[in-house]
């Protein structure tokens, strides 16, 4: 699968039999898992992960504060899909992602939504600022206009 979407990144993803409901379509709860795994893979490839059960960097410690999704067309059966995600805003301690679940050719939007993460201090679990490293790493995901927000620190 090779879909190019700007802004952001499209992560190829495989739908498995256990992702399906009794009607043979992807169960609604799985879309959040697809996004989580796509984001984890993207950040992990850039050194931000929970390798061995421990955060590789303080930026790996964050919590989902909001998740909103609209379902547009069912994903029927197993096979390949694309998880397209981008950053709409990178604030002091928050990250607002937009996302779409796409058909392999990118022609069908199966679902779309947004997810808000809040970066947490690993010791206190209170909101904490993203590091400069995280901001640099996130640059390719920033939507048009979001770059200025991220650089106003």
C-alpha atoms as a PDB file:
ATOM      1  CA  UNK A   1       0.000   0.000   0.000  1.00  0.00           C
ATOM      2  CA  UNK A   2       1.366   3.370  -0.959  1.00  0.00           C
ATOM      3  CA  UNK A   3      -0.926   6.281  -0.199  1.00  0.00           C
ATOM      4  CA  UNK A   4       0.591   9.705   0.128  1.00  0.00           C
ATOM      5  CA  UNK A   5      -1.381  12.122   2.268  1.00  0.00           C
ATOM      6  CA  UNK A   6      -0.304  15.533   3.422  1.00  0.00           C
ATOM      7  CA  UNK A   7      -0.134  16.481   6.139  1.00  0.00           C
ATOM      8  CA  UNK A   8       0.842  13.549   8.261  1.00  0.00           C
ATOM      9  CA  UNK A   9       1.541   9.901   7.666  1.00  0.00           C
ATOM     10  CA  UNK A  10      -0.360   6.848   6.431  1.00  0.00           C
ATOM     11  CA  UNK A  11       0.538   3.690   8.324  1.00  0.00           C
ATOM     12  CA  UNK A  12      -0.362   0.453   6.483  1.00  0.00           C
ATOM     13  CA  UNK A  13      -2.333  -1.809   8.777  1.00  0.00           C
ATOM     14  CA  UNK A  14      -3.743  -5.336   8.569  1.00  0.00           C
ATOM     15  CA  UNK A  15      -7.285  -6.129   9.713  1.00  0.00           C
ATOM     16  CA  UNK A  16      -7.419  -9.605  11.275  1.00  0.00           C
ATOM     17  CA  UNK A  17     -10.359 -11.960  11.797  1.00  0.00           C
ATOM     18  CA  UNK A  18     -10.541 -11.122  15.512  1.00  0.00           C
ATOM     19  CA  UNK A  19     -11.100  -7.432  14.611  1.00  0.00           C
ATOM     20  CA  UNK A  20     -14.464  -8.326  13.063  1.00  0.00           C
ATOM     21  CA  UNK A  21     -17.911  -8.429  14.629  1.00  0.00           C
ATOM     22  CA  UNK A  22     -20.522 -11.155  13.912  1.00  0.00           C
ATOM     23  CA  UNK A  23     -21.564  -9.312  10.708  1.00  0.00           C
ATOM     24  CA  UNK A  24     -18.043  -9.568   9.293  1.00  0.00           C
ATOM     25  CA  UNK A  25     -17.236  -5.863   9.598  1.00  0.00           C
ATOM     26  CA  UNK A  26     -14.623  -4.235  11.818  1.00  0.00           C
ATOM     27  CA  UNK A  27     -16.040  -3.793  15.326  1.00  0.00           C
ATOM     28  CA  UNK A  28     -16.340  -0.144  16.323  1.00  0.00           C
ATOM     29  CA  UNK A  29     -13.985  -0.561  19.305  1.00  0.00           C
ATOM     30  CA  UNK A  30     -11.123  -1.662  17.060  1.00  0.00           C
ATOM     31  CA  UNK A  31     -10.706   1.710  15.325  1.00  0.00           C
ATOM     32  CA  UNK A  32      -9.193   3.245  18.476  1.00  0.00           C
ATOM     33  CA  UNK A  33      -6.815   0.273  18.689  1.00  0.00           C
ATOM     34  CA  UNK A  34      -5.814   0.715  15.028  1.00  0.00           C
ATOM     35  CA  UNK A  35      -4.950   4.374  15.659  1.00  0.00           C
ATOM     36  CA  UNK A  36      -3.094   3.554  18.890  1.00  0.00           C
ATOM     37  CA  UNK A  37      -0.966   0.928  17.162  1.00  0.00           C
ATOM     38  CA  UNK A  38      -0.248   3.156  14.163  1.00  0.00           C
ATOM     39  CA  UNK A  39       0.842   6.041  16.397  1.00  0.00           C
ATOM     40  CA  UNK A  40       2.895   3.711  18.599  1.00  0.00           C
ATOM     41  CA  UNK A  41       4.678   2.278  15.568  1.00  0.00           C
ATOM     42  CA  UNK A  42       5.424   5.732  14.087  1.00  0.00           C
ATOM     43  CA  UNK A  43       6.767   7.173  17.349  1.00  0.00           C
ATOM     44  CA  UNK A  44       8.561   3.932  18.245  1.00  0.00           C
ATOM     45  CA  UNK A  45      10.472   3.998  14.961  1.00  0.00           C
ATOM     46  CA  UNK A  46      11.709   7.411  16.072  1.00  0.00           C
ATOM     47  CA  UNK A  47      12.822   6.315  19.539  1.00  0.00           C
ATOM     48  CA  UNK A  48       9.731   7.206  21.579  1.00  0.00           C
ATOM     49  CA  UNK A  49       8.342   3.971  23.011  1.00  0.00           C
ATOM     50  CA  UNK A  50       7.830   1.697  25.989  1.00  0.00           C
ATOM     51  CA  UNK A  51      10.559  -0.770  25.078  1.00  0.00           C
ATOM     52  CA  UNK A  52      10.829  -3.363  27.802  1.00  0.00           C
ATOM     53  CA  UNK A  53       7.880  -1.827  29.645  1.00  0.00           C
ATOM     54  CA  UNK A  54       9.714   1.409  30.432  1.00  0.00           C
ATOM     55  CA  UNK A  55       9.480   4.761  28.645  1.00  0.00           C
ATOM     56  CA  UNK A  56      12.446   5.396  26.352  1.00  0.00           C
ATOM     57  CA  UNK A  57      11.978   9.142  26.888  1.00  0.00           C
ATOM     58  CA  UNK A  58       9.715  11.296  29.091  1.00  0.00           C
ATOM     59  CA  UNK A  59       7.683  12.087  25.937  1.00  0.00           C
ATOM     60  CA  UNK A  60       6.451   8.486  25.863  1.00  0.00           C
ATOM     61  CA  UNK A  61       4.423   9.165  29.017  1.00  0.00           C
ATOM     62  CA  UNK A  62       1.083  10.610  27.960  1.00  0.00           C
ATOM     63  CA  UNK A  63      -2.618   9.907  28.372  1.00  0.00           C
ATOM     64  CA  UNK A  64      -5.574  10.162  26.021  1.00  0.00           C
ATOM     65  CA  UNK A  65      -7.757  13.044  27.217  1.00  0.00           C
ATOM     66  CA  UNK A  66     -10.300  12.949  24.389  1.00  0.00           C
ATOM     67  CA  UNK A  67     -11.269  10.598  21.579  1.00  0.00           C
ATOM     68  CA  UNK A  68     -13.958  11.327  18.993  1.00  0.00           C
ATOM     69  CA  UNK A  69     -14.794   9.263  15.915  1.00  0.00           C
ATOM     70  CA  UNK A  70     -17.354   9.317  13.098  1.00  0.00           C
ATOM     71  CA  UNK A  71     -17.939   6.119  11.150  1.00  0.00           C
ATOM     72  CA  UNK A  72     -18.465   6.669   7.405  1.00  0.00           C
ATOM     73  CA  UNK A  73     -18.335   3.250   5.703  1.00  0.00           C
ATOM     74  CA  UNK A  74     -17.765  -0.194   7.210  1.00  0.00           C
ATOM     75  CA  UNK A  75     -14.497  -2.051   6.738  1.00  0.00           C
ATOM     76  CA  UNK A  76     -15.688  -5.440   5.475  1.00  0.00           C
ATOM     77  CA  UNK A  77     -13.580  -8.492   6.169  1.00  0.00           C
ATOM     78  CA  UNK A  78      -9.877  -8.909   6.706  1.00  0.00           C
ATOM     79  CA  UNK A  79      -7.089  -7.312   4.708  1.00  0.00           C
ATOM     80  CA  UNK A  80      -5.156  -4.099   4.383  1.00  0.00           C
ATOM     81  CA  UNK A  81      -6.235  -0.597   5.382  1.00  0.00           C
ATOM     82  CA  UNK A  82      -4.425   2.682   5.919  1.00  0.00           C
ATOM     83  CA  UNK A  83      -4.377   4.686   9.139  1.00  0.00           C
ATOM     84  CA  UNK A  84      -3.779   8.331   8.196  1.00  0.00           C
ATOM     85  CA  UNK A  85      -2.902  10.640  11.090  1.00  0.00           C
ATOM     86  CA  UNK A  86      -1.528  14.140  11.530  1.00  0.00           C
ATOM     87  CA  UNK A  87      -1.131  16.763  14.254  1.00  0.00           C
ATOM     88  CA  UNK A  88      -3.664  19.581  14.183  1.00  0.00           C
ATOM     89  CA  UNK A  89      -2.017  21.285  17.145  1.00  0.00           C
ATOM     90  CA  UNK A  90       0.997  20.697  19.351  1.00  0.00           C
ATOM     91  CA  UNK A  91       0.500  22.763  22.487  1.00  0.00           C
ATOM     92  CA  UNK A  92       2.583  23.138  25.612  1.00  0.00           C
ATOM     93  CA  UNK A  93       1.538  19.740  26.983  1.00  0.00           C
ATOM     94  CA  UNK A  94      -1.184  18.589  24.573  1.00  0.00           C
ATOM     95  CA  UNK A  95      -1.170  17.036  21.125  1.00  0.00           C
ATOM     96  CA  UNK A  96      -4.318  17.105  18.993  1.00  0.00           C
ATOM     97  CA  UNK A  97      -4.311  14.421  16.301  1.00  0.00           C
ATOM     98  CA  UNK A  98      -6.661  14.187  13.363  1.00  0.00           C
ATOM     99  CA  UNK A  99      -7.048  10.755  11.799  1.00  0.00           C
ATOM    100  CA  UNK A 100      -8.784   8.788   9.070  1.00  0.00           C
ATOM    101  CA  UNK A 101      -9.123   5.060   8.473  1.00  0.00           C
ATOM    102  CA  UNK A 102      -8.762   4.533   4.710  1.00  0.00           C
ATOM    103  CA  UNK A 103      -9.246   1.834   2.103  1.00  0.00           C
ATOM    104  CA  UNK A 104      -5.997   0.476   0.614  1.00  0.00           C
ATOM    105  CA  UNK A 105      -6.210   2.880  -2.342  1.00  0.00           C
ATOM    106  CA  UNK A 106      -7.164   5.845  -0.145  1.00  0.00           C
ATOM    107  CA  UNK A 107     -10.436   6.294  -2.033  1.00  0.00           C
ATOM    108  CA  UNK A 108     -12.767   5.408   0.836  1.00  0.00           C
ATOM    109  CA  UNK A 109     -12.764   7.039   4.244  1.00  0.00           C
ATOM    110  CA  UNK A 110     -14.102   4.401   6.622  1.00  0.00           C
ATOM    111  CA  UNK A 111     -13.864   6.580   9.732  1.00  0.00           C
ATOM    112  CA  UNK A 112     -12.413   9.895  10.825  1.00  0.00           C
ATOM    113  CA  UNK A 113     -11.919  11.724  14.061  1.00  0.00           C
ATOM    114  CA  UNK A 114      -9.588  13.320  16.528  1.00  0.00           C
ATOM    115  CA  UNK A 115      -7.635  12.288  19.571  1.00  0.00           C
ATOM    116  CA  UNK A 116      -6.095  14.540  22.214  1.00  0.00           C
ATOM    117  CA  UNK A 117      -3.060  13.360  24.176  1.00  0.00           C
ATOM    118  CA  UNK A 118      -1.671  15.102  27.245  1.00  0.00           C
ATOM    119  CA  UNK A 119       2.003  14.627  28.042  1.00  0.00           C
ATOM    120  CA  UNK A 120       2.519  13.725  31.699  1.00  0.00           C
ATOM    121  CA  UNK A 121       5.402  14.051  34.106  1.00  0.00           C
ATOM    122  CA  UNK A 122       6.450  10.425  34.772  1.00  0.00           C
ATOM    123  CA  UNK A 123       6.745  11.008  38.536  1.00  0.00           C
ATOM    124  CA  UNK A 124       3.689  13.137  39.300  1.00  0.00           C
ATOM    125  CA  UNK A 125       1.406  12.180  36.386  1.00  0.00           C
ATOM    126  CA  UNK A 126       0.559  15.887  36.034  1.00  0.00           C
ATOM    127  CA  UNK A 127       0.647  17.672  32.653  1.00  0.00           C
ATOM    128  CA  UNK A 128       4.190  18.527  31.566  1.00  0.00           C
ATOM    129  CA  UNK A 129       5.648  20.241  28.492  1.00  0.00           C
ATOM    130  CA  UNK A 130       6.785  18.278  25.453  1.00  0.00           C
ATOM    131  CA  UNK A 131      10.551  18.255  25.025  1.00  0.00           C
ATOM    132  CA  UNK A 132      12.258  20.044  22.168  1.00  0.00           C
ATOM    133  CA  UNK A 133      13.204  16.605  20.788  1.00  0.00           C
ATOM    134  CA  UNK A 134       9.527  15.600  20.635  1.00  0.00           C
ATOM    135  CA  UNK A 135       8.646  18.866  18.894  1.00  0.00           C
ATOM    136  CA  UNK A 136      11.344  18.314  16.259  1.00  0.00           C
ATOM    137  CA  UNK A 137      10.266  14.705  15.768  1.00  0.00           C
ATOM    138  CA  UNK A 138       6.608  15.736  15.393  1.00  0.00           C
ATOM    139  CA  UNK A 139       7.263  18.341  12.679  1.00  0.00           C
ATOM    140  CA  UNK A 140       6.432  16.030   9.721  1.00  0.00           C
ATOM    141  CA  UNK A 141       2.997  15.381  11.247  1.00  0.00           C
ATOM    142  CA  UNK A 142       2.018  19.034  11.692  1.00  0.00           C
ATOM    143  CA  UNK A 143      -0.901  20.320   9.640  1.00  0.00           C
ATOM    144  CA  UNK A 144      -0.606  23.593   7.723  1.00  0.00           C
ATOM    145  CA  UNK A 145      -0.881  26.397  10.260  1.00  0.00           C
ATOM    146  CA  UNK A 146      -0.043  24.131  13.190  1.00  0.00           C
ATOM    147  CA  UNK A 147       3.672  24.695  12.641  1.00  0.00           C
ATOM    148  CA  UNK A 148       3.411  28.222  13.997  1.00  0.00           C
ATOM    149  CA  UNK A 149       1.633  27.023  17.121  1.00  0.00           C
ATOM    150  CA  UNK A 150       4.365  24.461  17.792  1.00  0.00           C
ATOM    151  CA  UNK A 151       7.146  26.965  17.178  1.00  0.00           C
ATOM    152  CA  UNK A 152       5.749  29.774  19.353  1.00  0.00           C
ATOM    153  CA  UNK A 153       7.331  28.338  22.516  1.00  0.00           C
END
